[in-house]
């Protein structure tokens, strides 16, 4: 199953209701589970991004739908990246030879 990295920043709306953010993480986790994916890790971070989430999803369409769902709720703005594990990275690089 493909892995994705999501970088998120709270919007003004999300900051006004920051006390509810753990509950929102639980809701997001359930939404992704219902789509066939699952969270691997959740980190609150300091710096350019407020939250980093790694997750698996069945395919890019599910990952895109999940990202759009979060954006639609208005509490976070996200940047998502597809992640390749080390073995896949090595295979990809080896095809360059």
PDB file of N, CA and C in Angstrom:
ATOM      1  N   UNK A   1       0.847  -1.169   0.000  1.00  0.00           N
ATOM      2  CA  UNK A   1       0.000   0.000   0.000  1.00  0.00           C
ATOM      3  C   UNK A   1       0.900   1.242   0.000  1.00  0.00           C
ATOM      4  N   UNK A   2       0.658   2.208  -0.850  1.00  0.00           N
ATOM      5  CA  UNK A   2       1.497   3.409  -0.892  1.00  0.00           C
ATOM      6  C   UNK A   2       1.456   4.195   0.428  1.00  0.00           C
ATOM      7  N   UNK A   3       2.569   4.836   0.720  1.00  0.00           N
ATOM      8  CA  UNK A   3       2.695   5.668   1.908  1.00  0.00           C
ATOM      9  C   UNK A   3       2.742   7.132   1.491  1.00  0.00           C
ATOM     10  N   UNK A   4       2.173   7.992   2.337  1.00  0.00           N
ATOM     11  CA  UNK A   4       2.105   9.424   2.064  1.00  0.00           C
ATOM     12  C   UNK A   4       2.550  10.180   3.303  1.00  0.00           C
ATOM     13  N   UNK A   5       3.130  11.345   3.077  1.00  0.00           N
ATOM     14  CA  UNK A   5       3.511  12.259   4.143  1.00  0.00           C
ATOM     15  C   UNK A   5       2.681  13.520   3.962  1.00  0.00           C
ATOM     16  N   UNK A   6       2.005  13.927   5.020  1.00  0.00           N
ATOM     17  CA  UNK A   6       1.184  15.139   4.975  1.00  0.00           C
ATOM     18  C   UNK A   6       1.765  16.157   5.941  1.00  0.00           C
ATOM     19  N   UNK A   7       2.026  17.351   5.422  1.00  0.00           N
ATOM     20  CA  UNK A   7       2.447  18.477   6.236  1.00  0.00           C
ATOM     21  C   UNK A   7       1.242  19.382   6.379  1.00  0.00           C
ATOM     22  N   UNK A   8       0.882  19.734   7.607  1.00  0.00           N
ATOM     23  CA  UNK A   8      -0.332  20.521   7.816  1.00  0.00           C
ATOM     24  C   UNK A   8      -0.053  21.744   8.669  1.00  0.00           C
ATOM     25  N   UNK A   9      -0.787  22.802   8.369  1.00  0.00           N
ATOM     26  CA  UNK A   9      -0.773  24.022   9.169  1.00  0.00           C
ATOM     27  C   UNK A   9      -2.195  24.356   9.553  1.00  0.00           C
ATOM     28  N   UNK A  10      -2.367  24.755  10.811  1.00  0.00           N
ATOM     29  CA  UNK A  10      -3.685  25.147  11.266  1.00  0.00           C
ATOM     30  C   UNK A  10      -4.098  26.454  10.599  1.00  0.00           C
ATOM     31  N   UNK A  11      -5.340  26.524  10.212  1.00  0.00           N
ATOM     32  CA  UNK A  11      -5.919  27.764   9.708  1.00  0.00           C
ATOM     33  C   UNK A  11      -6.339  28.605  10.914  1.00  0.00           C
ATOM     34  N   UNK A  12      -6.790  29.819  10.660  1.00  0.00           N
ATOM     35  CA  UNK A  12      -7.314  30.641  11.758  1.00  0.00           C
ATOM     36  C   UNK A  12      -8.459  29.918  12.460  1.00  0.00           C
ATOM     37  N   UNK A  13      -9.326  29.294  11.678  1.00  0.00           N
ATOM     38  CA  UNK A  13     -10.442  28.525  12.247  1.00  0.00           C
ATOM     39  C   UNK A  13      -9.928  27.389  13.123  1.00  0.00           C
ATOM     40  N   UNK A  14      -8.923  26.677  12.635  1.00  0.00           N
ATOM     41  CA  UNK A  14      -8.355  25.570  13.401  1.00  0.00           C
ATOM     42  C   UNK A  14      -7.704  26.032  14.693  1.00  0.00           C
ATOM     43  N   UNK A  15      -7.065  27.202  14.670  1.00  0.00           N
ATOM     44  CA  UNK A  15      -6.441  27.735  15.883  1.00  0.00           C
ATOM     45  C   UNK A  15      -7.486  28.191  16.896  1.00  0.00           C
ATOM     46  N   UNK A  16      -8.579  28.778  16.415  1.00  0.00           N
ATOM     47  CA  UNK A  16      -9.624  29.223  17.343  1.00  0.00           C
ATOM     48  C   UNK A  16     -10.217  28.051  18.126  1.00  0.00           C
ATOM     49  N   UNK A  17     -10.185  26.866  17.519  1.00  0.00           N
ATOM     50  CA  UNK A  17     -10.744  25.685  18.193  1.00  0.00           C
ATOM     51  C   UNK A  17      -9.657  24.632  18.430  1.00  0.00           C
ATOM     52  N   UNK A  18      -8.454  25.099  18.795  1.00  0.00           N
ATOM     53  CA  UNK A  18      -7.312  24.194  18.958  1.00  0.00           C
ATOM     54  C   UNK A  18      -7.575  23.126  20.025  1.00  0.00           C
ATOM     55  N   UNK A  19      -8.404  23.455  21.025  1.00  0.00           N
ATOM     56  CA  UNK A  19      -8.702  22.471  22.071  1.00  0.00           C
ATOM     57  C   UNK A  19      -9.384  21.224  21.511  1.00  0.00           C
ATOM     58  N   UNK A  20     -10.042  21.365  20.361  1.00  0.00           N
ATOM     59  CA  UNK A  20     -10.726  20.240  19.727  1.00  0.00           C
ATOM     60  C   UNK A  20      -9.830  19.465  18.774  1.00  0.00           C
ATOM     61  N   UNK A  21      -8.588  19.899  18.596  1.00  0.00           N
ATOM     62  CA  UNK A  21      -7.739  19.267  17.576  1.00  0.00           C
ATOM     63  C   UNK A  21      -7.471  17.785  17.826  1.00  0.00           C
ATOM     64  N   UNK A  22      -7.303  17.312  19.065  1.00  0.00           N
ATOM     65  CA  UNK A  22      -7.145  15.861  19.240  1.00  0.00           C
ATOM     66  C   UNK A  22      -8.376  15.086  18.747  1.00  0.00           C
ATOM     67  N   UNK A  23      -9.545  15.632  18.988  1.00  0.00           N
ATOM     68  CA  UNK A  23     -10.769  14.987  18.504  1.00  0.00           C
ATOM     69  C   UNK A  23     -10.806  14.998  16.974  1.00  0.00           C
ATOM     70  N   UNK A  24     -10.312  16.079  16.376  1.00  0.00           N
ATOM     71  CA  UNK A  24     -10.285  16.150  14.909  1.00  0.00           C
ATOM     72  C   UNK A  24      -9.319  15.121  14.325  1.00  0.00           C
ATOM     73  N   UNK A  25      -8.199  14.882  15.018  1.00  0.00           N
ATOM     74  CA  UNK A  25      -7.266  13.826  14.580  1.00  0.00           C
ATOM     75  C   UNK A  25      -7.976  12.479  14.601  1.00  0.00           C
ATOM     76  N   UNK A  26      -8.729  12.213  15.667  1.00  0.00           N
ATOM     77  CA  UNK A  26      -9.467  10.948  15.767  1.00  0.00           C
ATOM     78  C   UNK A  26     -10.480  10.814  14.639  1.00  0.00           C
ATOM     79  N   UNK A  27     -11.156  11.901  14.316  1.00  0.00           N
ATOM     80  CA  UNK A  27     -12.143  11.889  13.230  1.00  0.00           C
ATOM     81  C   UNK A  27     -11.456  11.658  11.890  1.00  0.00           C
ATOM     82  N   UNK A  28     -10.307  12.322  11.676  1.00  0.00           N
ATOM     83  CA  UNK A  28      -9.558  12.139  10.427  1.00  0.00           C
ATOM     84  C   UNK A  28      -9.080  10.696  10.312  1.00  0.00           C
ATOM     85  N   UNK A  29      -8.598  10.132  11.414  1.00  0.00           N
ATOM     86  CA  UNK A  29      -8.129   8.736  11.411  1.00  0.00           C
ATOM     87  C   UNK A  29      -9.259   7.792  11.001  1.00  0.00           C
ATOM     88  N   UNK A  30     -10.453   8.003  11.579  1.00  0.00           N
ATOM     89  CA  UNK A  30     -11.594   7.150  11.243  1.00  0.00           C
ATOM     90  C   UNK A  30     -11.994   7.316   9.780  1.00  0.00           C
ATOM     91  N   UNK A  31     -11.969   8.552   9.279  1.00  0.00           N
ATOM     92  CA  UNK A  31     -12.309   8.792   7.870  1.00  0.00           C
ATOM     93  C   UNK A  31     -11.359   8.036   6.948  1.00  0.00           C
ATOM     94  N   UNK A  32     -10.063   8.104   7.248  1.00  0.00           N
ATOM     95  CA  UNK A  32      -9.094   7.392   6.414  1.00  0.00           C
ATOM     96  C   UNK A  32      -9.274   5.882   6.549  1.00  0.00           C
ATOM     97  N   UNK A  33      -9.516   5.400   7.746  1.00  0.00           N
ATOM     98  CA  UNK A  33      -9.776   3.968   7.941  1.00  0.00           C
ATOM     99  C   UNK A  33     -10.968   3.522   7.096  1.00  0.00           C
ATOM    100  N   UNK A  34     -12.017   4.343   7.077  1.00  0.00           N
ATOM    101  CA  UNK A  34     -13.215   4.014   6.289  1.00  0.00           C
ATOM    102  C   UNK A  34     -12.925   3.972   4.788  1.00  0.00           C
ATOM    103  N   UNK A  35     -11.867   4.687   4.362  1.00  0.00           N
ATOM    104  CA  UNK A  35     -11.468   4.694   2.948  1.00  0.00           C
ATOM    105  C   UNK A  35     -10.490   3.570   2.625  1.00  0.00           C
ATOM    106  N   UNK A  36     -10.119   2.787   3.632  1.00  0.00           N
ATOM    107  CA  UNK A  36      -9.205   1.668   3.411  1.00  0.00           C
ATOM    108  C   UNK A  36      -7.758   1.965   3.732  1.00  0.00           C
ATOM    109  N   UNK A  37      -7.476   3.131   4.290  1.00  0.00           N
ATOM    110  CA  UNK A  37      -6.110   3.488   4.649  1.00  0.00           C
ATOM    111  C   UNK A  37      -5.934   3.470   6.155  1.00  0.00           C
ATOM    112  N   UNK A  38      -4.759   3.885   6.608  1.00  0.00           N
ATOM    113  CA  UNK A  38      -4.546   4.008   8.047  1.00  0.00           C
ATOM    114  C   UNK A  38      -3.358   4.905   8.349  1.00  0.00           C
ATOM    115  N   UNK A  39      -3.454   5.590   9.497  1.00  0.00           N
ATOM    116  CA  UNK A  39      -2.366   6.443   9.963  1.00  0.00           C
ATOM    117  C   UNK A  39      -1.192   5.581  10.406  1.00  0.00           C
ATOM    118  N   UNK A  40       0.002   6.013  10.090  1.00  0.00           N
ATOM    119  CA  UNK A  40       1.220   5.387  10.595  1.00  0.00           C
ATOM    120  C   UNK A  40       1.773   6.181  11.773  1.00  0.00           C
ATOM    121  N   UNK A  41       1.727   7.528  11.663  1.00  0.00           N
ATOM    122  CA  UNK A  41       2.224   8.373  12.752  1.00  0.00           C
ATOM    123  C   UNK A  41       1.599   9.756  12.654  1.00  0.00           C
ATOM    124  N   UNK A  42       1.528  10.411  13.808  1.00  0.00           N
ATOM    125  CA  UNK A  42       1.048  11.792  13.903  1.00  0.00           C
ATOM    126  C   UNK A  42       2.002  12.532  14.828  1.00  0.00           C
ATOM    127  N   UNK A  43       2.519  13.657  14.355  1.00  0.00           N
ATOM    128  CA  UNK A  43       3.414  14.484  15.155  1.00  0.00           C
ATOM    129  C   UNK A  43       2.947  15.930  15.138  1.00  0.00           C
ATOM    130  N   UNK A  44       2.888  16.564  16.293  1.00  0.00           N
ATOM    131  CA  UNK A  44       2.792  18.012  16.344  1.00  0.00           C
ATOM    132  C   UNK A  44       4.236  18.494  16.249  1.00  0.00           C
ATOM    133  N   UNK A  45       4.480  19.479  15.407  1.00  0.00           N
ATOM    134  CA  UNK A  45       5.843  19.918  15.165  1.00  0.00           C
ATOM    135  C   UNK A  45       5.978  21.420  15.405  1.00  0.00           C
ATOM    136  N   UNK A  46       7.204  21.843  15.601  1.00  0.00           N
ATOM    137  CA  UNK A  46       7.507  23.266  15.731  1.00  0.00           C
ATOM    138  C   UNK A  46       8.315  23.656  14.507  1.00  0.00           C
ATOM    139  N   UNK A  47       7.998  24.794  13.943  1.00  0.00           N
ATOM    140  CA  UNK A  47       8.704  25.249  12.761  1.00  0.00           C
ATOM    141  C   UNK A  47       7.719  25.625  11.679  1.00  0.00           C
ATOM    142  N   UNK A  48       8.063  25.320  10.462  1.00  0.00           N
ATOM    143  CA  UNK A  48       7.259  25.729   9.312  1.00  0.00           C
ATOM    144  C   UNK A  48       5.886  25.061   9.269  1.00  0.00           C
ATOM    145  N   UNK A  49       5.774  23.852   9.811  1.00  0.00           N
ATOM    146  CA  UNK A  49       4.508  23.117   9.783  1.00  0.00           C
ATOM    147  C   UNK A  49       4.081  22.781  11.211  1.00  0.00           C
ATOM    148  N   UNK A  50       2.773  22.699  11.418  1.00  0.00           N
ATOM    149  CA  UNK A  50       2.222  22.448  12.742  1.00  0.00           C
ATOM    150  C   UNK A  50       2.039  20.969  13.039  1.00  0.00           C
ATOM    151  N   UNK A  51       1.740  20.187  12.004  1.00  0.00           N
ATOM    152  CA  UNK A  51       1.462  18.764  12.179  1.00  0.00           C
ATOM    153  C   UNK A  51       2.071  18.004  10.996  1.00  0.00           C
ATOM    154  N   UNK A  52       2.640  16.836  11.278  1.00  0.00           N
ATOM    155  CA  UNK A  52       3.115  15.922  10.238  1.00  0.00           C
ATOM    156  C   UNK A  52       2.425  14.588  10.473  1.00  0.00           C
ATOM    157  N   UNK A  53       1.799  14.083   9.431  1.00  0.00           N
ATOM    158  CA  UNK A  53       1.117  12.790   9.498  1.00  0.00           C
ATOM    159  C   UNK A  53       1.673  11.898   8.402  1.00  0.00           C
ATOM    160  N   UNK A  54       1.998  10.673   8.739  1.00  0.00           N
ATOM    161  CA  UNK A  54       2.320   9.680   7.718  1.00  0.00           C
ATOM    162  C   UNK A  54       1.186   8.675   7.709  1.00  0.00           C
ATOM    163  N   UNK A  55       0.817   8.257   6.502  1.00  0.00           N
ATOM    164  CA  UNK A  55      -0.299   7.321   6.396  1.00  0.00           C
ATOM    165  C   UNK A  55      -0.182   6.481   5.137  1.00  0.00           C
ATOM    166  N   UNK A  56      -0.838   5.345   5.176  1.00  0.00           N
ATOM    167  CA  UNK A  56      -0.971   4.477   4.006  1.00  0.00           C
ATOM    168  C   UNK A  56      -2.369   4.645   3.452  1.00  0.00           C
ATOM    169  N   UNK A  57      -2.478   4.569   2.135  1.00  0.00           N
ATOM    170  CA  UNK A  57      -3.775   4.602   1.453  1.00  0.00           C
ATOM    171  C   UNK A  57      -3.720   3.619   0.296  1.00  0.00           C
ATOM    172  N   UNK A  58      -4.858   3.064  -0.089  1.00  0.00           N
ATOM    173  CA  UNK A  58      -4.862   2.070  -1.163  1.00  0.00           C
ATOM    174  C   UNK A  58      -4.296   2.594  -2.485  1.00  0.00           C
ATOM    175  N   UNK A  59      -4.498   3.886  -2.768  1.00  0.00           N
ATOM    176  CA  UNK A  59      -4.010   4.448  -4.033  1.00  0.00           C
ATOM    177  C   UNK A  59      -4.030   5.975  -3.952  1.00  0.00           C
ATOM    178  N   UNK A  60      -3.529   6.615  -5.005  1.00  0.00           N
ATOM    179  CA  UNK A  60      -3.445   8.075  -5.033  1.00  0.00           C
ATOM    180  C   UNK A  60      -4.821   8.735  -4.976  1.00  0.00           C
ATOM    181  N   UNK A  61      -5.826   8.116  -5.543  1.00  0.00           N
ATOM    182  CA  UNK A  61      -7.170   8.692  -5.526  1.00  0.00           C
ATOM    183  C   UNK A  61      -7.703   8.779  -4.101  1.00  0.00           C
ATOM    184  N   UNK A  62      -7.483   7.747  -3.311  1.00  0.00           N
ATOM    185  CA  UNK A  62      -7.921   7.765  -1.918  1.00  0.00           C
ATOM    186  C   UNK A  62      -7.137   8.834  -1.152  1.00  0.00           C
ATOM    187  N   UNK A  63      -5.833   8.918  -1.386  1.00  0.00           N
ATOM    188  CA  UNK A  63      -5.016   9.936  -0.713  1.00  0.00           C
ATOM    189  C   UNK A  63      -5.514  11.336  -1.074  1.00  0.00           C
ATOM    190  N   UNK A  64      -5.834  11.557  -2.340  1.00  0.00           N
ATOM    191  CA  UNK A  64      -6.340  12.861  -2.765  1.00  0.00           C
ATOM    192  C   UNK A  64      -7.699  13.154  -2.127  1.00  0.00           C
ATOM    193  N   UNK A  65      -8.566  12.160  -2.095  1.00  0.00           N
ATOM    194  CA  UNK A  65      -9.886  12.345  -1.479  1.00  0.00           C
ATOM    195  C   UNK A  65      -9.750  12.673   0.006  1.00  0.00           C
ATOM    196  N   UNK A  66      -8.846  11.998   0.698  1.00  0.00           N
ATOM    197  CA  UNK A  66      -8.614  12.256   2.106  1.00  0.00           C
ATOM    198  C   UNK A  66      -8.118  13.692   2.315  1.00  0.00           C
ATOM    199  N   UNK A  67      -7.163  14.115   1.511  1.00  0.00           N
ATOM    200  CA  UNK A  67      -6.629  15.475   1.607  1.00  0.00           C
ATOM    201  C   UNK A  67      -7.714  16.510   1.349  1.00  0.00           C
ATOM    202  N   UNK A  68      -8.528  16.278   0.331  1.00  0.00           N
ATOM    203  CA  UNK A  68      -9.621  17.211   0.028  1.00  0.00           C
ATOM    204  C   UNK A  68     -10.641  17.261   1.155  1.00  0.00           C
ATOM    205  N   UNK A  69     -10.934  16.113   1.747  1.00  0.00           N
ATOM    206  CA  UNK A  69     -11.872  16.067   2.863  1.00  0.00           C
ATOM    207  C   UNK A  69     -11.375  16.933   4.019  1.00  0.00           C
ATOM    208  N   UNK A  70     -10.093  16.808   4.356  1.00  0.00           N
ATOM    209  CA  UNK A  70      -9.539  17.621   5.440  1.00  0.00           C
ATOM    210  C   UNK A  70      -9.597  19.102   5.099  1.00  0.00           C
ATOM    211  N   UNK A  71      -9.239  19.444   3.879  1.00  0.00           N
ATOM    212  CA  UNK A  71      -9.277  20.839   3.453  1.00  0.00           C
ATOM    213  C   UNK A  71     -10.678  21.418   3.500  1.00  0.00           C
ATOM    214  N   UNK A  72     -11.643  20.623   3.121  1.00  0.00           N
ATOM    215  CA  UNK A  72     -13.047  21.047   3.108  1.00  0.00           C
ATOM    216  C   UNK A  72     -13.543  21.412   4.501  1.00  0.00           C
ATOM    217  N   UNK A  73     -13.015  20.761   5.526  1.00  0.00           N
ATOM    218  CA  UNK A  73     -13.430  21.036   6.898  1.00  0.00           C
ATOM    219  C   UNK A  73     -12.925  22.387   7.404  1.00  0.00           C
ATOM    220  N   UNK A  74     -11.839  22.887   6.798  1.00  0.00           N
ATOM    221  CA  UNK A  74     -11.383  24.240   7.067  1.00  0.00           C
ATOM    222  C   UNK A  74     -10.465  24.449   8.251  1.00  0.00           C
ATOM    223  N   UNK A  75     -10.018  23.390   8.905  1.00  0.00           N
ATOM    224  CA  UNK A  75      -9.163  23.549  10.082  1.00  0.00           C
ATOM    225  C   UNK A  75      -7.674  23.490   9.778  1.00  0.00           C
ATOM    226  N   UNK A  76      -7.310  22.891   8.658  1.00  0.00           N
ATOM    227  CA  UNK A  76      -5.899  22.786   8.267  1.00  0.00           C
ATOM    228  C   UNK A  76      -5.750  23.004   6.770  1.00  0.00           C
ATOM    229  N   UNK A  77      -4.577  23.464   6.404  1.00  0.00           N
ATOM    230  CA  UNK A  77      -4.150  23.485   5.006  1.00  0.00           C
ATOM    231  C   UNK A  77      -3.009  22.481   4.923  1.00  0.00           C
ATOM    232  N   UNK A  78      -3.009  21.687   3.866  1.00  0.00           N
ATOM    233  CA  UNK A  78      -2.053  20.578   3.811  1.00  0.00           C
ATOM    234  C   UNK A  78      -1.190  20.616   2.559  1.00  0.00           C
ATOM    235  N   UNK A  79      -0.060  19.984   2.680  1.00  0.00           N
ATOM    236  CA  UNK A  79       0.819  19.646   1.560  1.00  0.00           C
ATOM    237  C   UNK A  79       1.030  18.144   1.680  1.00  0.00           C
ATOM    238  N   UNK A  80       0.773  17.403   0.626  1.00  0.00           N
ATOM    239  CA  UNK A  80       0.915  15.950   0.680  1.00  0.00           C
ATOM    240  C   UNK A  80       1.969  15.479  -0.308  1.00  0.00           C
ATOM    241  N   UNK A  81       2.686  14.461   0.102  1.00  0.00           N
ATOM    242  CA  UNK A  81       3.739  13.896  -0.729  1.00  0.00           C
ATOM    243  C   UNK A  81       3.637  12.378  -0.705  1.00  0.00           C
ATOM    244  N   UNK A  82       3.795  11.772  -1.860  1.00  0.00           N
ATOM    245  CA  UNK A  82       3.881  10.312  -1.904  1.00  0.00           C
ATOM    246  C   UNK A  82       5.294   9.933  -1.496  1.00  0.00           C
ATOM    247  N   UNK A  83       5.408   8.941  -0.633  1.00  0.00           N
ATOM    248  CA  UNK A  83       6.712   8.524  -0.118  1.00  0.00           C
ATOM    249  C   UNK A  83       7.068   7.141  -0.640  1.00  0.00           C
ATOM    250  N   UNK A  84       8.324   6.978  -1.014  1.00  0.00           N
ATOM    251  CA  UNK A  84       8.818   5.698  -1.492  1.00  0.00           C
ATOM    252  C   UNK A  84       9.745   5.110  -0.432  1.00  0.00           C
ATOM    253  N   UNK A  85       9.502   3.887   0.021  1.00  0.00           N
ATOM    254  CA  UNK A  85      10.400   3.283   1.008  1.00  0.00           C
ATOM    255  C   UNK A  85      11.788   3.066   0.410  1.00  0.00           C
ATOM    256  N   UNK A  86      12.761   2.845   1.278  1.00  0.00           N
ATOM    257  CA  UNK A  86      14.144   2.739   0.823  1.00  0.00           C
ATOM    258  C   UNK A  86      14.324   1.696  -0.275  1.00  0.00           C
ATOM    259  N   UNK A  87      13.696   0.554  -0.138  1.00  0.00           N
ATOM    260  CA  UNK A  87      13.859  -0.491  -1.157  1.00  0.00           C
ATOM    261  C   UNK A  87      13.386  -0.006  -2.526  1.00  0.00           C
ATOM    262  N   UNK A  88      12.242   0.656  -2.570  1.00  0.00           N
ATOM    263  CA  UNK A  88      11.726   1.186  -3.842  1.00  0.00           C
ATOM    264  C   UNK A  88      12.645   2.280  -4.367  1.00  0.00           C
ATOM    265  N   UNK A  89      13.123   3.126  -3.483  1.00  0.00           N
ATOM    266  CA  UNK A  89      14.074   4.175  -3.870  1.00  0.00           C
ATOM    267  C   UNK A  89      15.304   3.562  -4.543  1.00  0.00           C
ATOM    268  N   UNK A  90      15.856   2.518  -3.922  1.00  0.00           N
ATOM    269  CA  UNK A  90      17.041   1.878  -4.499  1.00  0.00           C
ATOM    270  C   UNK A  90      16.737   1.263  -5.865  1.00  0.00           C
ATOM    271  N   UNK A  91      15.573   0.642  -5.999  1.00  0.00           N
ATOM    272  CA  UNK A  91      15.190   0.054  -7.291  1.00  0.00           C
ATOM    273  C   UNK A  91      15.043   1.130  -8.357  1.00  0.00           C
ATOM    274  N   UNK A  92      14.418   2.240  -8.000  1.00  0.00           N
ATOM    275  CA  UNK A  92      14.236   3.341  -8.952  1.00  0.00           C
ATOM    276  C   UNK A  92      15.588   3.875  -9.408  1.00  0.00           C
ATOM    277  N   UNK A  93      16.483   4.116  -8.465  1.00  0.00           N
ATOM    278  CA  UNK A  93      17.813   4.641  -8.808  1.00  0.00           C
ATOM    279  C   UNK A  93      18.589   3.639  -9.653  1.00  0.00           C
ATOM    280  N   UNK A  94      18.465   2.350  -9.341  1.00  0.00           N
ATOM    281  CA  UNK A  94      19.179   1.332 -10.124  1.00  0.00           C
ATOM    282  C   UNK A  94      18.730   1.276 -11.563  1.00  0.00           C
ATOM    283  N   UNK A  95      17.524   1.718 -11.880  1.00  0.00           N
ATOM    284  CA  UNK A  95      17.072   1.726 -13.270  1.00  0.00           C
ATOM    285  C   UNK A  95      17.740   2.818 -14.091  1.00  0.00           C
ATOM    286  N   UNK A  96      18.465   3.717 -13.444  1.00  0.00           N
ATOM    287  CA  UNK A  96      19.152   4.805 -14.141  1.00  0.00           C
ATOM    288  C   UNK A  96      20.465   4.346 -14.763  1.00  0.00           C
ATOM    289  N   UNK A  97      20.898   3.172 -14.415  1.00  0.00           N
ATOM    290  CA  UNK A  97      22.199   2.683 -14.911  1.00  0.00           C
ATOM    291  C   UNK A  97      22.050   2.025 -16.242  1.00  0.00           C
TER     292      UNK A  97
END
